[in-house]
Amino acid sequence: MRDFFRSLKWAINEKRPGGGNYSFPSNHTAGAFMGAELIRIHYGWGWAIPAYGLAAAVGTARVVHEWHWWWDVVAGAVLGIGCAHAGWKVTGLILAPTVDPLSGGLCCSLVYRF
């Protein structure tokens, strides 16, 4: 997932509200919401509600501390939930688009976990 988001950040290259580059989407928010959704899939809403609350707190902190715009956080949440479902459907097989930092070329890695 990290390489997918890194590729999006390089391709979009949005400025951060507090300065710097590569704001869109929020990796931290995506990871938090992906974890919350995986908890929901595995254990149900009883465990997922606190996890989603923590994920929302992560996203809120990213905006309050001016590391991301609100739309970066919303996109990160949506993409994180989508990645949780994609990973759940294709357990063990990961397709990771990446950007080569030296040449800037687009690459793709296919990894099988066992």
PDB file of N, CA and C in Angstrom:
ATOM      1  N   MET A   1       0.818  -1.192   0.000  1.00  0.00           N
ATOM      2  CA  MET A   1       0.000   0.000   0.000  1.00  0.00           C
ATOM      3  C   MET A   1       0.861   1.255   0.000  1.00  0.00           C
ATOM      4  N   ARG A   2       1.962   1.197   0.732  1.00  0.00           N
ATOM      5  CA  ARG A   2       2.817   2.372   0.843  1.00  0.00           C
ATOM      6  C   ARG A   2       3.322   2.818  -0.525  1.00  0.00           C
ATOM      7  N   ASP A   3       3.725   1.882  -1.376  1.00  0.00           N
ATOM      8  CA  ASP A   3       4.223   2.249  -2.698  1.00  0.00           C
ATOM      9  C   ASP A   3       3.125   2.833  -3.581  1.00  0.00           C
ATOM     10  N   PHE A   4       1.911   2.309  -3.435  1.00  0.00           N
ATOM     11  CA  PHE A   4       0.779   2.850  -4.187  1.00  0.00           C
ATOM     12  C   PHE A   4       0.562   4.320  -3.825  1.00  0.00           C
ATOM     13  N   PHE A   5       0.564   4.625  -2.535  1.00  0.00           N
ATOM     14  CA  PHE A   5       0.344   5.997  -2.098  1.00  0.00           C
ATOM     15  C   PHE A   5       1.520   6.891  -2.452  1.00  0.00           C
ATOM     16  N   ARG A   6       2.716   6.357  -2.371  1.00  0.00           N
ATOM     17  CA  ARG A   6       3.899   7.136  -2.760  1.00  0.00           C
ATOM     18  C   ARG A   6       3.803   7.503  -4.235  1.00  0.00           C
ATOM     19  N   SER A   7       3.331   6.586  -5.061  1.00  0.00           N
ATOM     20  CA  SER A   7       3.155   6.871  -6.490  1.00  0.00           C
ATOM     21  C   SER A   7       2.132   7.975  -6.704  1.00  0.00           C
ATOM     22  N   LEU A   8       1.021   7.920  -5.969  1.00  0.00           N
ATOM     23  CA  LEU A   8       0.020   8.987  -6.075  1.00  0.00           C
ATOM     24  C   LEU A   8       0.591  10.324  -5.642  1.00  0.00           C
ATOM     25  N   LYS A   9       1.344  10.336  -4.545  1.00  0.00           N
ATOM     26  CA  LYS A   9       1.936  11.571  -4.053  1.00  0.00           C
ATOM     27  C   LYS A   9       2.883  12.180  -5.091  1.00  0.00           C
ATOM     28  N   TRP A  10       3.700  11.331  -5.724  1.00  0.00           N
ATOM     29  CA  TRP A  10       4.626  11.828  -6.745  1.00  0.00           C
ATOM     30  C   TRP A  10       3.869  12.344  -7.954  1.00  0.00           C
ATOM     31  N   ALA A  11       2.831  11.635  -8.368  1.00  0.00           N
ATOM     32  CA  ALA A  11       2.086  12.021  -9.566  1.00  0.00           C
ATOM     33  C   ALA A  11       1.309  13.317  -9.356  1.00  0.00           C
ATOM     34  N   ILE A  12       0.718  13.496  -8.178  1.00  0.00           N
ATOM     35  CA  ILE A  12      -0.124  14.665  -7.921  1.00  0.00           C
ATOM     36  C   ILE A  12       0.696  15.839  -7.395  1.00  0.00           C
ATOM     37  N   ASN A  13       1.630  15.584  -6.489  1.00  0.00           N
ATOM     38  CA  ASN A  13       2.558  16.583  -5.938  1.00  0.00           C
ATOM     39  C   ASN A  13       1.844  17.842  -5.431  1.00  0.00           C
ATOM     40  N   GLU A  14       0.875  17.658  -4.562  1.00  0.00           N
ATOM     41  CA  GLU A  14       0.147  18.782  -3.972  1.00  0.00           C
ATOM     42  C   GLU A  14       0.948  19.370  -2.813  1.00  0.00           C
ATOM     43  N   LYS A  15       0.921  20.681  -2.682  1.00  0.00           N
ATOM     44  CA  LYS A  15       1.610  21.371  -1.582  1.00  0.00           C
ATOM     45  C   LYS A  15       0.871  21.139  -0.270  1.00  0.00           C
ATOM     46  N   ARG A  16       1.643  20.997   0.810  1.00  0.00           N
ATOM     47  CA  ARG A  16       1.058  20.838   2.148  1.00  0.00           C
ATOM     48  C   ARG A  16       0.663  22.208   2.706  1.00  0.00           C
ATOM     49  N   PRO A  17      -0.360  22.254   3.563  1.00  0.00           N
ATOM     50  CA  PRO A  17      -0.787  23.541   4.117  1.00  0.00           C
ATOM     51  C   PRO A  17       0.293  24.210   4.966  1.00  0.00           C
ATOM     52  N   GLY A  18       1.124  23.440   5.641  1.00  0.00           N
ATOM     53  CA  GLY A  18       2.183  24.004   6.474  1.00  0.00           C
ATOM     54  C   GLY A  18       3.511  24.128   5.758  1.00  0.00           C
ATOM     55  N   GLY A  19       3.541  23.839   4.457  1.00  0.00           N
ATOM     56  CA  GLY A  19       4.765  23.882   3.669  1.00  0.00           C
ATOM     57  C   GLY A  19       5.251  22.490   3.340  1.00  0.00           C
ATOM     58  N   GLY A  20       5.886  22.350   2.224  1.00  0.00           N
ATOM     59  CA  GLY A  20       6.373  21.057   1.767  1.00  0.00           C
ATOM     60  C   GLY A  20       5.523  20.524   0.631  1.00  0.00           C
ATOM     61  N   ASN A  21       5.901  19.363   0.147  1.00  0.00           N
ATOM     62  CA  ASN A  21       5.231  18.750  -1.002  1.00  0.00           C
ATOM     63  C   ASN A  21       4.583  17.424  -0.626  1.00  0.00           C
ATOM     64  N   TYR A  22       3.925  16.849  -1.604  1.00  0.00           N
ATOM     65  CA  TYR A  22       3.385  15.481  -1.532  1.00  0.00           C
ATOM     66  C   TYR A  22       2.343  15.309  -0.431  1.00  0.00           C
ATOM     67  N   SER A  23       1.343  16.177  -0.452  1.00  0.00           N
ATOM     68  CA  SER A  23       0.305  16.137   0.566  1.00  0.00           C
ATOM     69  C   SER A  23      -0.783  15.104   0.275  1.00  0.00           C
ATOM     70  N   PHE A  24      -1.132  14.923  -0.994  1.00  0.00           N
ATOM     71  CA  PHE A  24      -2.295  14.109  -1.363  1.00  0.00           C
ATOM     72  C   PHE A  24      -1.876  12.719  -1.788  1.00  0.00           C
ATOM     73  N   PRO A  25      -2.504  11.671  -1.267  1.00  0.00           N
ATOM     74  CA  PRO A  25      -3.428  11.571  -0.138  1.00  0.00           C
ATOM     75  C   PRO A  25      -2.672  11.359   1.167  1.00  0.00           C
ATOM     76  N   SER A  26      -3.379  11.325   2.277  1.00  0.00           N
ATOM     77  CA  SER A  26      -2.762  11.130   3.590  1.00  0.00           C
ATOM     78  C   SER A  26      -2.503   9.642   3.843  1.00  0.00           C
ATOM     79  N   ASN A  27      -1.220   9.271   3.878  1.00  0.00           N
ATOM     80  CA  ASN A  27      -0.848   7.874   4.148  1.00  0.00           C
ATOM     81  C   ASN A  27      -1.260   7.442   5.546  1.00  0.00           C
ATOM     82  N   HIS A  28      -1.051   8.313   6.529  1.00  0.00           N
ATOM     83  CA  HIS A  28      -1.382   7.949   7.912  1.00  0.00           C
ATOM     84  C   HIS A  28      -2.873   7.661   8.058  1.00  0.00           C
ATOM     85  N   THR A  29      -3.690   8.522   7.461  1.00  0.00           N
ATOM     86  CA  THR A  29      -5.131   8.317   7.529  1.00  0.00           C
ATOM     87  C   THR A  29      -5.540   7.048   6.795  1.00  0.00           C
ATOM     88  N   ALA A  30      -4.931   6.804   5.643  1.00  0.00           N
ATOM     89  CA  ALA A  30      -5.248   5.595   4.883  1.00  0.00           C
ATOM     90  C   ALA A  30      -4.923   4.345   5.697  1.00  0.00           C
ATOM     91  N   GLY A  31      -3.767   4.333   6.330  1.00  0.00           N
ATOM     92  CA  GLY A  31      -3.385   3.177   7.141  1.00  0.00           C
ATOM     93  C   GLY A  31      -4.315   2.969   8.321  1.00  0.00           C
ATOM     94  N   ALA A  32      -4.711   4.067   8.958  1.00  0.00           N
ATOM     95  CA  ALA A  32      -5.605   3.966  10.108  1.00  0.00           C
ATOM     96  C   ALA A  32      -6.979   3.439   9.695  1.00  0.00           C
ATOM     97  N   PHE A  33      -7.519   3.947   8.601  1.00  0.00           N
ATOM     98  CA  PHE A  33      -8.829   3.489   8.149  1.00  0.00           C
ATOM     99  C   PHE A  33      -8.765   2.076   7.566  1.00  0.00           C
ATOM    100  N   MET A  34      -7.659   1.727   6.941  1.00  0.00           N
ATOM    101  CA  MET A  34      -7.511   0.361   6.463  1.00  0.00           C
ATOM    102  C   MET A  34      -7.516  -0.606   7.647  1.00  0.00           C
ATOM    103  N   GLY A  35      -6.797  -0.270   8.704  1.00  0.00           N
ATOM    104  CA  GLY A  35      -6.792  -1.112   9.898  1.00  0.00           C
ATOM    105  C   GLY A  35      -8.165  -1.226  10.526  1.00  0.00           C
ATOM    106  N   ALA A  36      -8.875  -0.087  10.604  1.00  0.00           N
ATOM    107  CA  ALA A  36     -10.224  -0.104  11.183  1.00  0.00           C
ATOM    108  C   ALA A  36     -11.162  -0.976  10.350  1.00  0.00           C
ATOM    109  N   GLU A  37     -11.051  -0.894   9.033  1.00  0.00           N
ATOM    110  CA  GLU A  37     -11.923  -1.701   8.173  1.00  0.00           C
ATOM    111  C   GLU A  37     -11.569  -3.183   8.262  1.00  0.00           C
ATOM    112  N   LEU A  38     -10.301  -3.511   8.374  1.00  0.00           N
ATOM    113  CA  LEU A  38      -9.916  -4.918   8.538  1.00  0.00           C
ATOM    114  C   LEU A  38     -10.428  -5.470   9.868  1.00  0.00           C
ATOM    115  N   ILE A  39     -10.411  -4.650  10.910  1.00  0.00           N
ATOM    116  CA  ILE A  39     -10.980  -5.065  12.194  1.00  0.00           C
ATOM    117  C   ILE A  39     -12.476  -5.298  12.044  1.00  0.00           C
ATOM    118  N   ARG A  40     -13.151  -4.411  11.309  1.00  0.00           N
ATOM    119  CA  ARG A  40     -14.593  -4.589  11.090  1.00  0.00           C
ATOM    120  C   ARG A  40     -14.872  -5.880  10.325  1.00  0.00           C
ATOM    121  N   ILE A  41     -14.081  -6.165   9.301  1.00  0.00           N
ATOM    122  CA  ILE A  41     -14.285  -7.374   8.507  1.00  0.00           C
ATOM    123  C   ILE A  41     -14.082  -8.619   9.365  1.00  0.00           C
ATOM    124  N   HIS A  42     -13.038  -8.606  10.178  1.00  0.00           N
ATOM    125  CA  HIS A  42     -12.694  -9.793  10.973  1.00  0.00           C
ATOM    126  C   HIS A  42     -13.563  -9.958  12.223  1.00  0.00           C
ATOM    127  N   TYR A  43     -13.847  -8.852  12.922  1.00  0.00           N
ATOM    128  CA  TYR A  43     -14.453  -8.955  14.259  1.00  0.00           C
ATOM    129  C   TYR A  43     -15.806  -8.273  14.397  1.00  0.00           C
ATOM    130  N   GLY A  44     -16.260  -7.543  13.385  1.00  0.00           N
ATOM    131  CA  GLY A  44     -17.568  -6.893  13.456  1.00  0.00           C
ATOM    132  C   GLY A  44     -17.497  -5.471  13.983  1.00  0.00           C
ATOM    133  N   TRP A  45     -18.677  -4.842  14.023  1.00  0.00           N
ATOM    134  CA  TRP A  45     -18.760  -3.433  14.394  1.00  0.00           C
ATOM    135  C   TRP A  45     -18.437  -3.172  15.856  1.00  0.00           C
ATOM    136  N   GLY A  46     -18.642  -4.138  16.722  1.00  0.00           N
ATOM    137  CA  GLY A  46     -18.353  -3.926  18.144  1.00  0.00           C
ATOM    138  C   GLY A  46     -16.910  -3.505  18.379  1.00  0.00           C
ATOM    139  N   TRP A  47     -15.993  -4.143  17.694  1.00  0.00           N
ATOM    140  CA  TRP A  47     -14.583  -3.776  17.798  1.00  0.00           C
ATOM    141  C   TRP A  47     -14.213  -2.660  16.832  1.00  0.00           C
ATOM    142  N   ALA A  48     -14.948  -2.535  15.762  1.00  0.00           N
ATOM    143  CA  ALA A  48     -14.595  -1.561  14.728  1.00  0.00           C
ATOM    144  C   ALA A  48     -14.938  -0.126  15.111  1.00  0.00           C
ATOM    145  N   ILE A  49     -15.971   0.070  15.901  1.00  0.00           N
ATOM    146  CA  ILE A  49     -16.357   1.445  16.256  1.00  0.00           C
ATOM    147  C   ILE A  49     -15.221   2.181  16.964  1.00  0.00           C
ATOM    148  N   PRO A  50     -14.581   1.584  17.992  1.00  0.00           N
ATOM    149  CA  PRO A  50     -13.437   2.293  18.583  1.00  0.00           C
ATOM    150  C   PRO A  50     -12.278   2.462  17.591  1.00  0.00           C
ATOM    151  N   ALA A  51     -12.070   1.479  16.735  1.00  0.00           N
ATOM    152  CA  ALA A  51     -10.993   1.581  15.744  1.00  0.00           C
ATOM    153  C   ALA A  51     -11.266   2.710  14.759  1.00  0.00           C
ATOM    154  N   TYR A  52     -12.516   2.832  14.330  1.00  0.00           N
ATOM    155  CA  TYR A  52     -12.873   3.947  13.442  1.00  0.00           C
ATOM    156  C   TYR A  52     -12.757   5.288  14.158  1.00  0.00           C
ATOM    157  N   GLY A  53     -13.068   5.319  15.448  1.00  0.00           N
ATOM    158  CA  GLY A  53     -12.886   6.544  16.223  1.00  0.00           C
ATOM    159  C   GLY A  53     -11.426   6.969  16.268  1.00  0.00           C
ATOM    160  N   LEU A  54     -10.538   6.000  16.477  1.00  0.00           N
ATOM    161  CA  LEU A  54      -9.104   6.301  16.474  1.00  0.00           C
ATOM    162  C   LEU A  54      -8.635   6.734  15.090  1.00  0.00           C
ATOM    163  N   ALA A  55      -9.145   6.084  14.053  1.00  0.00           N
ATOM    164  CA  ALA A  55      -8.779   6.463  12.690  1.00  0.00           C
ATOM    165  C   ALA A  55      -9.229   7.899  12.389  1.00  0.00           C
ATOM    166  N   ALA A  56     -10.437   8.248  12.833  1.00  0.00           N
ATOM    167  CA  ALA A  56     -10.921   9.619  12.644  1.00  0.00           C
ATOM    168  C   ALA A  56     -10.046  10.612  13.410  1.00  0.00           C
ATOM    169  N   ALA A  57      -9.573  10.219  14.587  1.00  0.00           N
ATOM    170  CA  ALA A  57      -8.684  11.084  15.362  1.00  0.00           C
ATOM    171  C   ALA A  57      -7.356  11.295  14.635  1.00  0.00           C
ATOM    172  N   VAL A  58      -6.853  10.254  14.003  1.00  0.00           N
ATOM    173  CA  VAL A  58      -5.625  10.386  13.215  1.00  0.00           C
ATOM    174  C   VAL A  58      -5.833  11.389  12.087  1.00  0.00           C
ATOM    175  N   GLY A  59      -6.913  11.233  11.342  1.00  0.00           N
ATOM    176  CA  GLY A  59      -7.202  12.148  10.240  1.00  0.00           C
ATOM    177  C   GLY A  59      -7.394  13.576  10.710  1.00  0.00           C
ATOM    178  N   THR A  60      -8.104  13.749  11.822  1.00  0.00           N
ATOM    179  CA  THR A  60      -8.318  15.090  12.372  1.00  0.00           C
ATOM    180  C   THR A  60      -7.000  15.729  12.775  1.00  0.00           C
ATOM    181  N   ALA A  61      -6.130  14.957  13.414  1.00  0.00           N
ATOM    182  CA  ALA A  61      -4.825  15.481  13.834  1.00  0.00           C
ATOM    183  C   ALA A  61      -3.993  15.913  12.632  1.00  0.00           C
ATOM    184  N   ARG A  62      -4.091  15.177  11.522  1.00  0.00           N
ATOM    185  CA  ARG A  62      -3.318  15.530  10.329  1.00  0.00           C
ATOM    186  C   ARG A  62      -3.745  16.897   9.787  1.00  0.00           C
ATOM    187  N   VAL A  63      -5.042  17.205   9.890  1.00  0.00           N
ATOM    188  CA  VAL A  63      -5.543  18.495   9.408  1.00  0.00           C
ATOM    189  C   VAL A  63      -5.235  19.601  10.417  1.00  0.00           C
ATOM    190  N   VAL A  64      -5.486  19.343  11.710  1.00  0.00           N
ATOM    191  CA  VAL A  64      -5.286  20.351  12.752  1.00  0.00           C
ATOM    192  C   VAL A  64      -3.823  20.809  12.809  1.00  0.00           C
ATOM    193  N   HIS A  65      -2.911  19.886  12.627  1.00  0.00           N
ATOM    194  CA  HIS A  65      -1.483  20.218  12.694  1.00  0.00           C
ATOM    195  C   HIS A  65      -0.919  20.679  11.350  1.00  0.00           C
ATOM    196  N   GLU A  66      -1.808  20.909  10.387  1.00  0.00           N
ATOM    197  CA  GLU A  66      -1.468  21.449   9.066  1.00  0.00           C
ATOM    198  C   GLU A  66      -0.473  20.588   8.293  1.00  0.00           C
ATOM    199  N   TRP A  67      -0.613  19.264   8.424  1.00  0.00           N
ATOM    200  CA  TRP A  67       0.180  18.356   7.602  1.00  0.00           C
ATOM    201  C   TRP A  67      -0.574  17.995   6.324  1.00  0.00           C
ATOM    202  N   HIS A  68      -1.915  18.115   6.380  1.00  0.00           N
ATOM    203  CA  HIS A  68      -2.743  17.775   5.220  1.00  0.00           C
ATOM    204  C   HIS A  68      -3.943  18.702   5.146  1.00  0.00           C
ATOM    205  N   TRP A  69      -4.475  18.819   3.933  1.00  0.00           N
ATOM    206  CA  TRP A  69      -5.759  19.467   3.715  1.00  0.00           C
ATOM    207  C   TRP A  69      -6.858  18.458   4.043  1.00  0.00           C
ATOM    208  N   TRP A  70      -8.078  18.914   4.278  1.00  0.00           N
ATOM    209  CA  TRP A  70      -9.157  17.994   4.642  1.00  0.00           C
ATOM    210  C   TRP A  70      -9.429  16.986   3.535  1.00  0.00           C
ATOM    211  N   TRP A  71      -9.290  17.398   2.274  1.00  0.00           N
ATOM    212  CA  TRP A  71      -9.566  16.469   1.175  1.00  0.00           C
ATOM    213  C   TRP A  71      -8.482  15.390   1.053  1.00  0.00           C
ATOM    214  N   ASP A  72      -7.269  15.680   1.512  1.00  0.00           N
ATOM    215  CA  ASP A  72      -6.219  14.649   1.562  1.00  0.00           C
ATOM    216  C   ASP A  72      -6.620  13.537   2.527  1.00  0.00           C
ATOM    217  N   VAL A  73      -7.192  13.947   3.653  1.00  0.00           N
ATOM    218  CA  VAL A  73      -7.589  12.999   4.694  1.00  0.00           C
ATOM    219  C   VAL A  73      -8.791  12.176   4.249  1.00  0.00           C
ATOM    220  N   VAL A  74      -9.770  12.822   3.630  1.00  0.00           N
ATOM    221  CA  VAL A  74     -10.947  12.100   3.142  1.00  0.00           C
ATOM    222  C   VAL A  74     -10.530  11.092   2.071  1.00  0.00           C
ATOM    223  N   ALA A  75      -9.674  11.512   1.146  1.00  0.00           N
ATOM    224  CA  ALA A  75      -9.195  10.593   0.104  1.00  0.00           C
ATOM    225  C   ALA A  75      -8.407   9.444   0.725  1.00  0.00           C
ATOM    226  N   GLY A  76      -7.581   9.737   1.711  1.00  0.00           N
ATOM    227  CA  GLY A  76      -6.830   8.686   2.392  1.00  0.00           C
ATOM    228  C   GLY A  76      -7.748   7.684   3.057  1.00  0.00           C
ATOM    229  N   ALA A  77      -8.818   8.166   3.690  1.00  0.00           N
ATOM    230  CA  ALA A  77      -9.774   7.270   4.348  1.00  0.00           C
ATOM    231  C   ALA A  77     -10.473   6.371   3.329  1.00  0.00           C
ATOM    232  N   VAL A  78     -10.934   6.954   2.240  1.00  0.00           N
ATOM    233  CA  VAL A  78     -11.629   6.179   1.204  1.00  0.00           C
ATOM    234  C   VAL A  78     -10.677   5.154   0.576  1.00  0.00           C
ATOM    235  N   LEU A  79      -9.476   5.586   0.249  1.00  0.00           N
ATOM    236  CA  LEU A  79      -8.505   4.668  -0.351  1.00  0.00           C
ATOM    237  C   LEU A  79      -8.084   3.576   0.629  1.00  0.00           C
ATOM    238  N   GLY A  80      -7.948   3.924   1.901  1.00  0.00           N
ATOM    239  CA  GLY A  80      -7.590   2.928   2.905  1.00  0.00           C
ATOM    240  C   GLY A  80      -8.645   1.846   3.042  1.00  0.00           C
ATOM    241  N   ILE A  81      -9.908   2.247   3.079  1.00  0.00           N
ATOM    242  CA  ILE A  81     -11.002   1.270   3.156  1.00  0.00           C
ATOM    243  C   ILE A  81     -11.033   0.424   1.885  1.00  0.00           C
ATOM    244  N   GLY A  82     -10.834   1.060   0.734  1.00  0.00           N
ATOM    245  CA  GLY A  82     -10.798   0.316  -0.524  1.00  0.00           C
ATOM    246  C   GLY A  82      -9.645  -0.670  -0.573  1.00  0.00           C
ATOM    247  N   CYS A  83      -8.477  -0.264  -0.085  1.00  0.00           N
ATOM    248  CA  CYS A  83      -7.323  -1.168  -0.058  1.00  0.00           C
ATOM    249  C   CYS A  83      -7.554  -2.342   0.894  1.00  0.00           C
ATOM    250  N   ALA A  84      -8.268  -2.110   1.991  1.00  0.00           N
ATOM    251  CA  ALA A  84      -8.584  -3.204   2.912  1.00  0.00           C
ATOM    252  C   ALA A  84      -9.427  -4.261   2.198  1.00  0.00           C
ATOM    253  N   HIS A  85     -10.412  -3.812   1.426  1.00  0.00           N
ATOM    254  CA  HIS A  85     -11.263  -4.756   0.697  1.00  0.00           C
ATOM    255  C   HIS A  85     -10.498  -5.438  -0.428  1.00  0.00           C
ATOM    256  N   ALA A  86      -9.672  -4.685  -1.137  1.00  0.00           N
ATOM    257  CA  ALA A  86      -8.889  -5.284  -2.224  1.00  0.00           C
ATOM    258  C   ALA A  86      -7.922  -6.323  -1.673  1.00  0.00           C
ATOM    259  N   GLY A  87      -7.261  -6.009  -0.573  1.00  0.00           N
ATOM    260  CA  GLY A  87      -6.334  -6.953   0.034  1.00  0.00           C
ATOM    261  C   GLY A  87      -7.034  -8.169   0.590  1.00  0.00           C
ATOM    262  N   TRP A  88      -8.230  -7.967   1.100  1.00  0.00           N
ATOM    263  CA  TRP A  88      -9.010  -9.074   1.643  1.00  0.00           C
ATOM    264  C   TRP A  88      -9.423 -10.030   0.528  1.00  0.00           C
ATOM    265  N   LYS A  89      -9.759  -9.491  -0.629  1.00  0.00           N
ATOM    266  CA  LYS A  89     -10.192 -10.323  -1.755  1.00  0.00           C
ATOM    267  C   LYS A  89      -9.029 -11.099  -2.372  1.00  0.00           C
ATOM    268  N   VAL A  90      -7.859 -10.506  -2.363  1.00  0.00           N
ATOM    269  CA  VAL A  90      -6.704 -11.119  -3.024  1.00  0.00           C
ATOM    270  C   VAL A  90      -5.651 -11.422  -1.955  1.00  0.00           C
ATOM    271  N   THR A  91      -6.037 -12.137  -0.935  1.00  0.00           N
ATOM    272  CA  THR A  91      -5.129 -12.431   0.178  1.00  0.00           C
ATOM    273  C   THR A  91      -3.884 -13.124  -0.333  1.00  0.00           C
ATOM    274  N   GLY A  92      -2.756 -12.562   0.040  1.00  0.00           N
ATOM    275  CA  GLY A  92      -1.476 -13.156  -0.316  1.00  0.00           C
ATOM    276  C   GLY A  92      -0.866 -12.603  -1.580  1.00  0.00           C
ATOM    277  N   LEU A  93      -1.651 -12.013  -2.463  1.00  0.00           N
ATOM    278  CA  LEU A  93      -1.130 -11.493  -3.718  1.00  0.00           C
ATOM    279  C   LEU A  93      -1.239  -9.972  -3.697  1.00  0.00           C
ATOM    280  N   ILE A  94      -0.115  -9.312  -3.843  1.00  0.00           N
ATOM    281  CA  ILE A  94      -0.080  -7.852  -3.754  1.00  0.00           C
ATOM    282  C   ILE A  94       0.479  -7.298  -5.055  1.00  0.00           C
ATOM    283  N   LEU A  95      -0.242  -6.376  -5.673  1.00  0.00           N
ATOM    284  CA  LEU A  95       0.210  -5.673  -6.859  1.00  0.00           C
ATOM    285  C   LEU A  95       0.483  -4.241  -6.435  1.00  0.00           C
ATOM    286  N   ALA A  96       1.747  -3.838  -6.499  1.00  0.00           N
ATOM    287  CA  ALA A  96       2.137  -2.541  -5.966  1.00  0.00           C
ATOM    288  C   ALA A  96       2.743  -1.658  -7.047  1.00  0.00           C
ATOM    289  N   PRO A  97       1.988  -0.659  -7.550  1.00  0.00           N
ATOM    290  CA  PRO A  97       2.588   0.293  -8.484  1.00  0.00           C
ATOM    291  C   PRO A  97       3.558   1.206  -7.735  1.00  0.00           C
ATOM    292  N   THR A  98       4.685   1.478  -8.332  1.00  0.00           N
ATOM    293  CA  THR A  98       5.709   2.303  -7.688  1.00  0.00           C
ATOM    294  C   THR A  98       6.286   3.292  -8.688  1.00  0.00           C
ATOM    295  N   VAL A  99       7.012   4.264  -8.166  1.00  0.00           N
ATOM    296  CA  VAL A  99       7.749   5.213  -8.987  1.00  0.00           C
ATOM    297  C   VAL A  99       9.225   5.045  -8.664  1.00  0.00           C
ATOM    298  N   ASP A 100      10.041   4.830  -9.691  1.00  0.00           N
ATOM    299  CA  ASP A 100      11.482   4.724  -9.498  1.00  0.00           C
ATOM    300  C   ASP A 100      12.014   6.103  -9.117  1.00  0.00           C
ATOM    301  N   PRO A 101      12.622   6.255  -7.915  1.00  0.00           N
ATOM    302  CA  PRO A 101      13.068   7.577  -7.488  1.00  0.00           C
ATOM    303  C   PRO A 101      14.213   8.135  -8.332  1.00  0.00           C
ATOM    304  N   LEU A 102      14.984   7.295  -8.987  1.00  0.00           N
ATOM    305  CA  LEU A 102      16.108   7.778  -9.794  1.00  0.00           C
ATOM    306  C   LEU A 102      15.672   8.243 -11.176  1.00  0.00           C
ATOM    307  N   SER A 103      14.868   7.428 -11.856  1.00  0.00           N
ATOM    308  CA  SER A 103      14.475   7.780 -13.220  1.00  0.00           C
ATOM    309  C   SER A 103      13.101   8.445 -13.301  1.00  0.00           C
ATOM    310  N   GLY A 104      12.286   8.274 -12.254  1.00  0.00           N
ATOM    311  CA  GLY A 104      10.929   8.797 -12.284  1.00  0.00           C
ATOM    312  C   GLY A 104       9.975   7.909 -13.066  1.00  0.00           C
ATOM    313  N   GLY A 105      10.459   6.748 -13.531  1.00  0.00           N
ATOM    314  CA  GLY A 105       9.638   5.835 -14.310  1.00  0.00           C
ATOM    315  C   GLY A 105       8.637   5.088 -13.443  1.00  0.00           C
ATOM    316  N   LEU A 106       7.492   4.769 -14.027  1.00  0.00           N
ATOM    317  CA  LEU A 106       6.479   3.990 -13.321  1.00  0.00           C
ATOM    318  C   LEU A 106       6.830   2.512 -13.396  1.00  0.00           C
ATOM    319  N   CYS A 107       6.714   1.832 -12.283  1.00  0.00           N
ATOM    320  CA  CYS A 107       7.036   0.412 -12.193  1.00  0.00           C
ATOM    321  C   CYS A 107       5.863  -0.302 -11.529  1.00  0.00           C
ATOM    322  N   CYS A 108       5.921  -1.614 -11.527  1.00  0.00           N
ATOM    323  CA  CYS A 108       4.904  -2.401 -10.860  1.00  0.00           C
ATOM    324  C   CYS A 108       5.548  -3.652 -10.284  1.00  0.00           C
ATOM    325  N   SER A 109       5.260  -3.943  -9.031  1.00  0.00           N
ATOM    326  CA  SER A 109       5.790  -5.132  -8.379  1.00  0.00           C
ATOM    327  C   SER A 109       4.640  -6.086  -8.076  1.00  0.00           C
ATOM    328  N   LEU A 110       4.859  -7.360  -8.310  1.00  0.00           N
ATOM    329  CA  LEU A 110       3.892  -8.394  -7.963  1.00  0.00           C
ATOM    330  C   LEU A 110       4.534  -9.271  -6.898  1.00  0.00           C
ATOM    331  N   VAL A 111       3.917  -9.290  -5.719  1.00  0.00           N
ATOM    332  CA  VAL A 111       4.485  -9.987  -4.571  1.00  0.00           C
ATOM    333  C   VAL A 111       3.471 -11.004  -4.073  1.00  0.00           C
ATOM    334  N   TYR A 112       3.940 -12.207  -3.755  1.00  0.00           N
ATOM    335  CA  TYR A 112       3.073 -13.219  -3.145  1.00  0.00           C
ATOM    336  C   TYR A 112       3.554 -13.508  -1.741  1.00  0.00           C
ATOM    337  N   ARG A 113       2.684 -13.325  -0.759  1.00  0.00           N
ATOM    338  CA  ARG A 113       3.004 -13.639   0.630  1.00  0.00           C
ATOM    339  C   ARG A 113       2.603 -15.060   0.925  1.00  0.00           C
ATOM    340  N   PHE A 114       3.469 -15.792   1.605  1.00  0.00           N
ATOM    341  CA  PHE A 114       3.099 -17.135   2.035  1.00  0.00           C
ATOM    342  C   PHE A 114       3.692 -17.407   3.384  1.00  0.00           C
TER     343      PHE A 114
END
